[in-house]
């Protein structure tokens, strides 16, 4: 079957027109592809209108009929309207591309920073003993801008009536938790400390999943000697704050922790309360 030249041109332009947009989008991105498509669409509408109003030259004696101004006005309005609509579409696509898309995370994905162990390594500094607090990210997402505040006090809550089995919580043998009046005040002061804004803003500390870090805290040596006698213990109250990719800009993750540490230096502690939650920040 013989194919005319004009037919070949028609198929060539049609196939190239179908395939070119996908190639442009892959190479230059959707915004550039949409801009080119908008320009081609407006140009195509112009040519369609021009072809519709086109009058072939009259070879007879009657003068050719000219296009009326109203026809070109309709064409101009149509092209301008299409241009505005396509320009708005390009703007919306460009804005969508510029905005980062946050993945959908469940509560199981959240970062969770908390204490791992507290060690007394017999390290001293100017009349103070050094305690090492190891902390870990127990969640899945990376914890960013991690910060912490600590308060350590001496607490006389050890039940030493049985020296071979020293326990914590002489107030209630069925409840080894430290009385709330001893911890709530300290945790509330740490949680609402005005230094948090600058701590989080200036922190570059990050923790991947199951990654552990350590910081040091100084305790007076006289208090350490008191605790070493076995009749008292250190009450550590610690607040951690951090951010992760699942949070909005005005949210932080928080862990409140309290733990009792006796004279032992093996890193163990008696957990007397831990709570992890999210805190909404006040707008600046």
C-alpha atoms as a PDB file:
ATOM      1  CA  UNK A   1       0.000   0.000   0.000  1.00  0.00           C
ATOM      2  CA  UNK A   2       1.397   3.329  -1.033  1.00  0.00           C
ATOM      3  CA  UNK A   3       1.475   5.991   1.669  1.00  0.00           C
ATOM      4  CA  UNK A   4       1.326   9.605   0.631  1.00  0.00           C
ATOM      5  CA  UNK A   5       3.995  12.052   1.753  1.00  0.00           C
ATOM      6  CA  UNK A   6       1.530  14.132   3.760  1.00  0.00           C
ATOM      7  CA  UNK A   7       0.313  11.013   5.585  1.00  0.00           C
ATOM      8  CA  UNK A   8       3.869  10.114   6.578  1.00  0.00           C
ATOM      9  CA  UNK A   9       4.373  13.639   7.908  1.00  0.00           C
ATOM     10  CA  UNK A  10       1.127  13.355   9.866  1.00  0.00           C
ATOM     11  CA  UNK A  11       2.110  10.057  11.512  1.00  0.00           C
ATOM     12  CA  UNK A  12       5.588  11.400  12.242  1.00  0.00           C
ATOM     13  CA  UNK A  13       4.304  14.551  13.972  1.00  0.00           C
ATOM     14  CA  UNK A  14       1.687  12.538  15.905  1.00  0.00           C
ATOM     15  CA  UNK A  15       4.141   9.937  17.216  1.00  0.00           C
ATOM     16  CA  UNK A  16       6.773  12.542  18.074  1.00  0.00           C
ATOM     17  CA  UNK A  17       4.116  14.622  19.830  1.00  0.00           C
ATOM     18  CA  UNK A  18       3.007  11.653  21.921  1.00  0.00           C
ATOM     19  CA  UNK A  19       6.486  10.604  22.971  1.00  0.00           C
ATOM     20  CA  UNK A  20       8.208  13.961  23.459  1.00  0.00           C
ATOM     21  CA  UNK A  21       6.357  15.055  26.659  1.00  0.00           C
ATOM     22  CA  UNK A  22       7.458  11.943  28.567  1.00  0.00           C
ATOM     23  CA  UNK A  23      11.069  12.424  27.453  1.00  0.00           C
ATOM     24  CA  UNK A  24      11.059  16.099  28.459  1.00  0.00           C
ATOM     25  CA  UNK A  25       9.589  15.256  31.867  1.00  0.00           C
ATOM     26  CA  UNK A  26      12.216  12.600  32.559  1.00  0.00           C
ATOM     27  CA  UNK A  27      15.095  14.870  31.535  1.00  0.00           C
ATOM     28  CA  UNK A  28      14.009  18.271  32.851  1.00  0.00           C
ATOM     29  CA  UNK A  29      11.329  17.450  35.437  1.00  0.00           C
ATOM     30  CA  UNK A  30       7.538  17.908  35.553  1.00  0.00           C
ATOM     31  CA  UNK A  31       7.581  21.707  35.877  1.00  0.00           C
ATOM     32  CA  UNK A  32       9.593  22.261  32.680  1.00  0.00           C
ATOM     33  CA  UNK A  33       7.504  19.651  30.877  1.00  0.00           C
ATOM     34  CA  UNK A  34       4.300  21.395  31.955  1.00  0.00           C
ATOM     35  CA  UNK A  35       5.599  24.803  30.820  1.00  0.00           C
ATOM     36  CA  UNK A  36       6.479  23.417  27.382  1.00  0.00           C
ATOM     37  CA  UNK A  37       3.119  21.630  27.170  1.00  0.00           C
ATOM     38  CA  UNK A  38       1.311  24.857  28.114  1.00  0.00           C
ATOM     39  CA  UNK A  39       3.152  26.836  25.429  1.00  0.00           C
ATOM     40  CA  UNK A  40       2.425  24.165  22.814  1.00  0.00           C
ATOM     41  CA  UNK A  41      -1.248  24.010  23.835  1.00  0.00           C
ATOM     42  CA  UNK A  42      -1.706  27.776  23.590  1.00  0.00           C
ATOM     43  CA  UNK A  43       0.126  27.833  20.252  1.00  0.00           C
ATOM     44  CA  UNK A  44      -1.996  24.930  19.001  1.00  0.00           C
ATOM     45  CA  UNK A  45      -5.223  26.720  19.986  1.00  0.00           C
ATOM     46  CA  UNK A  46      -4.014  29.819  18.157  1.00  0.00           C
ATOM     47  CA  UNK A  47      -3.318  27.859  14.985  1.00  0.00           C
ATOM     48  CA  UNK A  48      -6.657  26.030  15.205  1.00  0.00           C
ATOM     49  CA  UNK A  49      -8.498  29.333  15.486  1.00  0.00           C
ATOM     50  CA  UNK A  50      -6.432  30.824  12.686  1.00  0.00           C
ATOM     51  CA  UNK A  51      -7.189  27.832  10.464  1.00  0.00           C
ATOM     52  CA  UNK A  52     -10.868  28.073  11.276  1.00  0.00           C
ATOM     53  CA  UNK A  53     -11.018  31.737  10.241  1.00  0.00           C
ATOM     54  CA  UNK A  54      -8.648  31.295   7.298  1.00  0.00           C
ATOM     55  CA  UNK A  55     -10.130  32.182   3.921  1.00  0.00           C
ATOM     56  CA  UNK A  56      -8.608  30.782   0.737  1.00  0.00           C
ATOM     57  CA  UNK A  57      -7.843  33.326  -1.991  1.00  0.00           C
ATOM     58  CA  UNK A  58     -10.704  33.690  -4.427  1.00  0.00           C
ATOM     59  CA  UNK A  59      -9.574  33.170  -7.986  1.00  0.00           C
ATOM     60  CA  UNK A  60     -12.840  34.442  -9.379  1.00  0.00           C
ATOM     61  CA  UNK A  61     -14.024  37.943  -9.922  1.00  0.00           C
ATOM     62  CA  UNK A  62     -15.513  38.257  -6.418  1.00  0.00           C
ATOM     63  CA  UNK A  63     -13.169  39.810  -3.877  1.00  0.00           C
ATOM     64  CA  UNK A  64     -12.099  37.426  -1.011  1.00  0.00           C
ATOM     65  CA  UNK A  65     -14.021  37.810   2.192  1.00  0.00           C
ATOM     66  CA  UNK A  66     -11.885  39.155   5.003  1.00  0.00           C
ATOM     67  CA  UNK A  67     -12.051  37.988   8.580  1.00  0.00           C
ATOM     68  CA  UNK A  68     -14.090  40.224  10.784  1.00  0.00           C
ATOM     69  CA  UNK A  69     -12.455  41.919  13.830  1.00  0.00           C
ATOM     70  CA  UNK A  70     -14.897  40.122  16.149  1.00  0.00           C
ATOM     71  CA  UNK A  71     -13.507  36.767  15.037  1.00  0.00           C
ATOM     72  CA  UNK A  72      -9.964  37.753  15.985  1.00  0.00           C
ATOM     73  CA  UNK A  73     -11.237  39.219  19.270  1.00  0.00           C
ATOM     74  CA  UNK A  74     -12.833  35.872  20.153  1.00  0.00           C
ATOM     75  CA  UNK A  75      -9.579  34.127  19.243  1.00  0.00           C
ATOM     76  CA  UNK A  76      -7.526  36.487  21.410  1.00  0.00           C
ATOM     77  CA  UNK A  77      -9.867  36.067  24.395  1.00  0.00           C
ATOM     78  CA  UNK A  78      -9.772  32.288  24.025  1.00  0.00           C
ATOM     79  CA  UNK A  79      -5.981  32.183  23.839  1.00  0.00           C
ATOM     80  CA  UNK A  80      -5.599  34.572  26.783  1.00  0.00           C
ATOM     81  CA  UNK A  81      -8.014  32.532  28.899  1.00  0.00           C
ATOM     82  CA  UNK A  82      -6.156  29.319  28.141  1.00  0.00           C
ATOM     83  CA  UNK A  83      -2.850  31.029  28.912  1.00  0.00           C
ATOM     84  CA  UNK A  84      -4.068  32.193  32.336  1.00  0.00           C
ATOM     85  CA  UNK A  85      -5.509  28.772  33.197  1.00  0.00           C
ATOM     86  CA  UNK A  86      -2.355  26.943  32.153  1.00  0.00           C
ATOM     87  CA  UNK A  87      -0.173  29.495  33.957  1.00  0.00           C
ATOM     88  CA  UNK A  88      -2.125  28.859  37.165  1.00  0.00           C
ATOM     89  CA  UNK A  89      -1.682  25.118  36.687  1.00  0.00           C
ATOM     90  CA  UNK A  90       2.074  25.557  36.201  1.00  0.00           C
ATOM     91  CA  UNK A  91       2.248  27.647  39.387  1.00  0.00           C
ATOM     92  CA  UNK A  92       0.398  25.006  41.405  1.00  0.00           C
ATOM     93  CA  UNK A  93       2.633  22.201  40.144  1.00  0.00           C
ATOM     94  CA  UNK A  94       5.796  24.228  40.794  1.00  0.00           C
ATOM     95  CA  UNK A  95       4.630  25.014  44.349  1.00  0.00           C
ATOM     96  CA  UNK A  96       3.831  21.356  44.996  1.00  0.00           C
ATOM     97  CA  UNK A  97       7.253  20.302  43.748  1.00  0.00           C
ATOM     98  CA  UNK A  98       8.977  22.872  45.971  1.00  0.00           C
ATOM     99  CA  UNK A  99       7.225  21.732  49.159  1.00  0.00           C
ATOM    100  CA  UNK A 100       8.855  18.711  50.823  1.00  0.00           C
ATOM    101  CA  UNK A 101       6.526  15.758  51.155  1.00  0.00           C
ATOM    102  CA  UNK A 102       6.613  14.184  54.603  1.00  0.00           C
ATOM    103  CA  UNK A 103       6.272  10.452  54.730  1.00  0.00           C
ATOM    104  CA  UNK A 104       3.462   8.986  56.792  1.00  0.00           C
ATOM    105  CA  UNK A 105       4.873   7.646  60.046  1.00  0.00           C
ATOM    106  CA  UNK A 106       3.125   5.641  62.732  1.00  0.00           C
ATOM    107  CA  UNK A 107       3.779   5.925  66.452  1.00  0.00           C
ATOM    108  CA  UNK A 108       5.936   2.803  66.206  1.00  0.00           C
ATOM    109  CA  UNK A 109       8.382   4.707  63.988  1.00  0.00           C
ATOM    110  CA  UNK A 110       8.987   7.593  66.392  1.00  0.00           C
ATOM    111  CA  UNK A 111      12.420   8.158  67.901  1.00  0.00           C
ATOM    112  CA  UNK A 112      12.565   7.446  71.641  1.00  0.00           C
ATOM    113  CA  UNK A 113      15.527   8.661  73.647  1.00  0.00           C
ATOM    114  CA  UNK A 114      15.986   7.292  77.147  1.00  0.00           C
ATOM    115  CA  UNK A 115      18.608   6.264  79.732  1.00  0.00           C
ATOM    116  CA  UNK A 116      20.482   3.010  79.369  1.00  0.00           C
ATOM    117  CA  UNK A 117      22.773   2.904  82.428  1.00  0.00           C
ATOM    118  CA  UNK A 118      24.377   5.162  85.022  1.00  0.00           C
ATOM    119  CA  UNK A 119      28.005   4.440  85.875  1.00  0.00           C
ATOM    120  CA  UNK A 120      30.319   5.725  88.617  1.00  0.00           C
ATOM    121  CA  UNK A 121      33.791   5.192  87.043  1.00  0.00           C
ATOM    122  CA  UNK A 122      35.771   6.508  90.044  1.00  0.00           C
ATOM    123  CA  UNK A 123      36.649   9.579  88.030  1.00  0.00           C
ATOM    124  CA  UNK A 124      37.100  12.823  89.984  1.00  0.00           C
ATOM    125  CA  UNK A 125      37.163  16.518  89.130  1.00  0.00           C
ATOM    126  CA  UNK A 126      37.953  19.239  91.700  1.00  0.00           C
ATOM    127  CA  UNK A 127      36.157  17.752  94.697  1.00  0.00           C
ATOM    128  CA  UNK A 128      33.443  16.144  92.615  1.00  0.00           C
ATOM    129  CA  UNK A 129      32.805  12.608  91.446  1.00  0.00           C
ATOM    130  CA  UNK A 130      31.858  11.992  87.838  1.00  0.00           C
ATOM    131  CA  UNK A 131      28.826   9.916  86.931  1.00  0.00           C
ATOM    132  CA  UNK A 132      28.436   8.739  83.332  1.00  0.00           C
ATOM    133  CA  UNK A 133      24.871   8.657  81.996  1.00  0.00           C
ATOM    134  CA  UNK A 134      24.509   6.451  78.931  1.00  0.00           C
ATOM    135  CA  UNK A 135      21.418   6.996  76.805  1.00  0.00           C
ATOM    136  CA  UNK A 136      20.045   5.299  73.709  1.00  0.00           C
ATOM    137  CA  UNK A 137      17.579   5.805  70.861  1.00  0.00           C
ATOM    138  CA  UNK A 138      15.089   2.974  71.320  1.00  0.00           C
ATOM    139  CA  UNK A 139      12.918   4.086  68.366  1.00  0.00           C
ATOM    140  CA  UNK A 140      13.203   3.640  64.607  1.00  0.00           C
ATOM    141  CA  UNK A 141      13.633   7.171  63.273  1.00  0.00           C
ATOM    142  CA  UNK A 142      16.782   9.180  63.803  1.00  0.00           C
ATOM    143  CA  UNK A 143      16.605  11.461  66.842  1.00  0.00           C
ATOM    144  CA  UNK A 144      17.878  14.959  65.989  1.00  0.00           C
ATOM    145  CA  UNK A 145      18.819  18.007  68.052  1.00  0.00           C
ATOM    146  CA  UNK A 146      18.959  15.863  71.193  1.00  0.00           C
ATOM    147  CA  UNK A 147      19.244  17.748  74.474  1.00  0.00           C
ATOM    148  CA  UNK A 148      19.073  16.843  78.165  1.00  0.00           C
ATOM    149  CA  UNK A 149      18.904  18.372  81.645  1.00  0.00           C
ATOM    150  CA  UNK A 150      19.715  16.582  84.912  1.00  0.00           C
ATOM    151  CA  UNK A 151      19.096  17.045  88.622  1.00  0.00           C
ATOM    152  CA  UNK A 152      20.738  14.775  91.228  1.00  0.00           C
ATOM    153  CA  UNK A 153      19.752  14.770  94.914  1.00  0.00           C
ATOM    154  CA  UNK A 154      20.488  12.526  97.886  1.00  0.00           C
ATOM    155  CA  UNK A 155      17.401  10.577  98.989  1.00  0.00           C
ATOM    156  CA  UNK A 156      16.985   8.551 102.169  1.00  0.00           C
ATOM    157  CA  UNK A 157      14.567   5.985 100.784  1.00  0.00           C
ATOM    158  CA  UNK A 158      16.524   2.759 101.171  1.00  0.00           C
ATOM    159  CA  UNK A 159      15.126   0.003 103.352  1.00  0.00           C
ATOM    160  CA  UNK A 160      18.236  -1.430 105.040  1.00  0.00           C
ATOM    161  CA  UNK A 161      16.459  -3.543 107.658  1.00  0.00           C
ATOM    162  CA  UNK A 162      17.745  -6.598 105.806  1.00  0.00           C
ATOM    163  CA  UNK A 163      21.377  -5.865 104.831  1.00  0.00           C
ATOM    164  CA  UNK A 164      21.466  -8.850 102.504  1.00  0.00           C
ATOM    165  CA  UNK A 165      18.474  -7.565 100.538  1.00  0.00           C
ATOM    166  CA  UNK A 166      18.451  -3.775 100.388  1.00  0.00           C
ATOM    167  CA  UNK A 167      15.380  -2.439  98.605  1.00  0.00           C
ATOM    168  CA  UNK A 168      14.072   0.959  97.590  1.00  0.00           C
ATOM    169  CA  UNK A 169      10.777   2.327  98.802  1.00  0.00           C
ATOM    170  CA  UNK A 170      10.417   1.907 102.531  1.00  0.00           C
ATOM    171  CA  UNK A 171       7.001   3.616 102.361  1.00  0.00           C
ATOM    172  CA  UNK A 172       5.193   0.703 100.717  1.00  0.00           C
ATOM    173  CA  UNK A 173       6.821  -2.726 100.341  1.00  0.00           C
ATOM    174  CA  UNK A 174       4.517  -3.488  97.398  1.00  0.00           C
ATOM    175  CA  UNK A 175       5.437  -0.320  95.536  1.00  0.00           C
ATOM    176  CA  UNK A 176       9.102   0.423  94.903  1.00  0.00           C
ATOM    177  CA  UNK A 177       8.339   3.721  93.216  1.00  0.00           C
ATOM    178  CA  UNK A 178       9.701   6.894  94.725  1.00  0.00           C
ATOM    179  CA  UNK A 179       6.884   9.045  96.172  1.00  0.00           C
ATOM    180  CA  UNK A 180       5.639  11.452  93.513  1.00  0.00           C
ATOM    181  CA  UNK A 181       6.108  14.518  95.703  1.00  0.00           C
ATOM    182  CA  UNK A 182       9.861  13.899  95.577  1.00  0.00           C
ATOM    183  CA  UNK A 183      10.085  13.625  91.786  1.00  0.00           C
ATOM    184  CA  UNK A 184       7.245  15.691  90.319  1.00  0.00           C
ATOM    185  CA  UNK A 185       8.694  19.010  91.398  1.00  0.00           C
ATOM    186  CA  UNK A 186      12.149  18.244  90.018  1.00  0.00           C
ATOM    187  CA  UNK A 187      10.807  16.881  86.715  1.00  0.00           C
ATOM    188  CA  UNK A 188       8.449  19.847  86.300  1.00  0.00           C
ATOM    189  CA  UNK A 189      11.333  22.276  86.818  1.00  0.00           C
ATOM    190  CA  UNK A 190      13.449  20.440  84.254  1.00  0.00           C
ATOM    191  CA  UNK A 191      10.614  20.147  81.742  1.00  0.00           C
ATOM    192  CA  UNK A 192       9.785  23.875  81.865  1.00  0.00           C
ATOM    193  CA  UNK A 193      13.345  25.157  82.116  1.00  0.00           C
ATOM    194  CA  UNK A 194      13.687  28.292  79.902  1.00  0.00           C
ATOM    195  CA  UNK A 195      17.024  27.039  78.570  1.00  0.00           C
ATOM    196  CA  UNK A 196      15.338  24.395  76.392  1.00  0.00           C
ATOM    197  CA  UNK A 197      14.781  26.673  73.395  1.00  0.00           C
ATOM    198  CA  UNK A 198      18.481  27.418  73.040  1.00  0.00           C
ATOM    199  CA  UNK A 199      19.484  23.824  73.894  1.00  0.00           C
ATOM    200  CA  UNK A 200      17.395  22.323  71.082  1.00  0.00           C
ATOM    201  CA  UNK A 201      18.156  25.107  68.615  1.00  0.00           C
ATOM    202  CA  UNK A 202      21.926  24.784  69.082  1.00  0.00           C
ATOM    203  CA  UNK A 203      22.136  21.016  69.457  1.00  0.00           C
ATOM    204  CA  UNK A 204      23.761  19.020  66.664  1.00  0.00           C
ATOM    205  CA  UNK A 205      23.562  15.696  68.520  1.00  0.00           C
ATOM    206  CA  UNK A 206      21.862  12.947  66.523  1.00  0.00           C
ATOM    207  CA  UNK A 207      21.105   9.329  67.418  1.00  0.00           C
ATOM    208  CA  UNK A 208      20.342   6.594  64.902  1.00  0.00           C
ATOM    209  CA  UNK A 209      18.270   3.584  65.880  1.00  0.00           C
ATOM    210  CA  UNK A 210      19.918   1.687  68.794  1.00  0.00           C
ATOM    211  CA  UNK A 211      22.799   4.174  68.913  1.00  0.00           C
ATOM    212  CA  UNK A 212      24.177   4.971  72.374  1.00  0.00           C
ATOM    213  CA  UNK A 213      25.871   8.122  73.631  1.00  0.00           C
ATOM    214  CA  UNK A 214      27.126   9.268  77.014  1.00  0.00           C
ATOM    215  CA  UNK A 215      27.383  12.489  78.971  1.00  0.00           C
ATOM    216  CA  UNK A 216      29.024  13.221  82.328  1.00  0.00           C
ATOM    217  CA  UNK A 217      27.445  14.764  85.386  1.00  0.00           C
ATOM    218  CA  UNK A 218      29.339  15.964  88.476  1.00  0.00           C
ATOM    219  CA  UNK A 219      28.223  15.056  91.987  1.00  0.00           C
ATOM    220  CA  UNK A 220      29.955  16.364  95.119  1.00  0.00           C
ATOM    221  CA  UNK A 221      32.291  13.795  96.638  1.00  0.00           C
ATOM    222  CA  UNK A 222      30.798  14.312 100.109  1.00  0.00           C
ATOM    223  CA  UNK A 223      27.407  13.173  98.800  1.00  0.00           C
ATOM    224  CA  UNK A 224      29.050  10.178  97.158  1.00  0.00           C
ATOM    225  CA  UNK A 225      30.597   9.221 100.503  1.00  0.00           C
ATOM    226  CA  UNK A 226      27.179   9.524 102.161  1.00  0.00           C
ATOM    227  CA  UNK A 227      25.576   7.259  99.586  1.00  0.00           C
ATOM    228  CA  UNK A 228      28.468   4.773  99.813  1.00  0.00           C
ATOM    229  CA  UNK A 229      27.582   4.080 103.445  1.00  0.00           C
ATOM    230  CA  UNK A 230      24.449   2.315 102.247  1.00  0.00           C
ATOM    231  CA  UNK A 231      21.788   4.362 104.046  1.00  0.00           C
ATOM    232  CA  UNK A 232      21.007   6.765 101.204  1.00  0.00           C
ATOM    233  CA  UNK A 233      20.862   6.783  97.422  1.00  0.00           C
ATOM    234  CA  UNK A 234      21.127   9.263  94.589  1.00  0.00           C
ATOM    235  CA  UNK A 235      17.874  10.262  92.931  1.00  0.00           C
ATOM    236  CA  UNK A 236      18.562  11.085  89.277  1.00  0.00           C
ATOM    237  CA  UNK A 237      15.826  13.041  87.485  1.00  0.00           C
ATOM    238  CA  UNK A 238      16.576  13.498  83.778  1.00  0.00           C
ATOM    239  CA  UNK A 239      14.606  15.048  80.931  1.00  0.00           C
ATOM    240  CA  UNK A 240      15.546  14.365  77.302  1.00  0.00           C
ATOM    241  CA  UNK A 241      14.134  16.313  74.377  1.00  0.00           C
ATOM    242  CA  UNK A 242      14.636  15.744  70.646  1.00  0.00           C
ATOM    243  CA  UNK A 243      13.088  16.024  67.196  1.00  0.00           C
ATOM    244  CA  UNK A 244      12.570  13.519  64.376  1.00  0.00           C
ATOM    245  CA  UNK A 245      11.215  13.527  60.825  1.00  0.00           C
ATOM    246  CA  UNK A 246       7.689  12.570  61.891  1.00  0.00           C
ATOM    247  CA  UNK A 247       7.236  15.759  63.936  1.00  0.00           C
ATOM    248  CA  UNK A 248       5.879  19.121  62.917  1.00  0.00           C
ATOM    249  CA  UNK A 249       7.995  22.230  63.451  1.00  0.00           C
ATOM    250  CA  UNK A 250       6.314  23.001  66.785  1.00  0.00           C
ATOM    251  CA  UNK A 251       6.716  19.527  68.339  1.00  0.00           C
ATOM    252  CA  UNK A 252       9.463  17.828  70.333  1.00  0.00           C
ATOM    253  CA  UNK A 253       9.769  14.376  71.822  1.00  0.00           C
ATOM    254  CA  UNK A 254      10.198  14.215  75.598  1.00  0.00           C
ATOM    255  CA  UNK A 255      11.314  11.530  78.037  1.00  0.00           C
ATOM    256  CA  UNK A 256      10.974  12.124  81.779  1.00  0.00           C
ATOM    257  CA  UNK A 257      13.013   9.714  83.884  1.00  0.00           C
ATOM    258  CA  UNK A 258      13.807   9.158  87.534  1.00  0.00           C
ATOM    259  CA  UNK A 259      16.130   6.495  88.864  1.00  0.00           C
ATOM    260  CA  UNK A 260      17.731   5.566  92.184  1.00  0.00           C
ATOM    261  CA  UNK A 261      21.457   4.798  92.236  1.00  0.00           C
ATOM    262  CA  UNK A 262      23.087   3.281  95.313  1.00  0.00           C
ATOM    263  CA  UNK A 263      26.793   3.059  96.086  1.00  0.00           C
ATOM    264  CA  UNK A 264      27.365   0.415  93.437  1.00  0.00           C
ATOM    265  CA  UNK A 265      29.274   1.430  90.320  1.00  0.00           C
ATOM    266  CA  UNK A 266      28.100  -1.319  87.960  1.00  0.00           C
ATOM    267  CA  UNK A 267      25.832   0.922  85.914  1.00  0.00           C
ATOM    268  CA  UNK A 268      22.540  -0.431  87.277  1.00  0.00           C
ATOM    269  CA  UNK A 269      19.800   1.764  88.664  1.00  0.00           C
ATOM    270  CA  UNK A 270      16.395   1.282  90.214  1.00  0.00           C
ATOM    271  CA  UNK A 271      13.855   2.711  87.788  1.00  0.00           C
ATOM    272  CA  UNK A 272      11.309   4.778  89.696  1.00  0.00           C
ATOM    273  CA  UNK A 273       9.421   6.155  86.714  1.00  0.00           C
ATOM    274  CA  UNK A 274       9.782   6.872  83.009  1.00  0.00           C
ATOM    275  CA  UNK A 275       7.385   8.559  80.590  1.00  0.00           C
ATOM    276  CA  UNK A 276       7.769   9.394  76.890  1.00  0.00           C
ATOM    277  CA  UNK A 277       5.424  11.790  75.090  1.00  0.00           C
ATOM    278  CA  UNK A 278       5.279  14.669  72.609  1.00  0.00           C
ATOM    279  CA  UNK A 279       5.202  18.281  73.651  1.00  0.00           C
ATOM    280  CA  UNK A 280       3.728  21.168  71.667  1.00  0.00           C
ATOM    281  CA  UNK A 281       6.012  24.182  71.620  1.00  0.00           C
ATOM    282  CA  UNK A 282       4.658  27.649  72.155  1.00  0.00           C
ATOM    283  CA  UNK A 283       4.755  29.822  69.007  1.00  0.00           C
ATOM    284  CA  UNK A 284       7.638  32.248  68.984  1.00  0.00           C
END
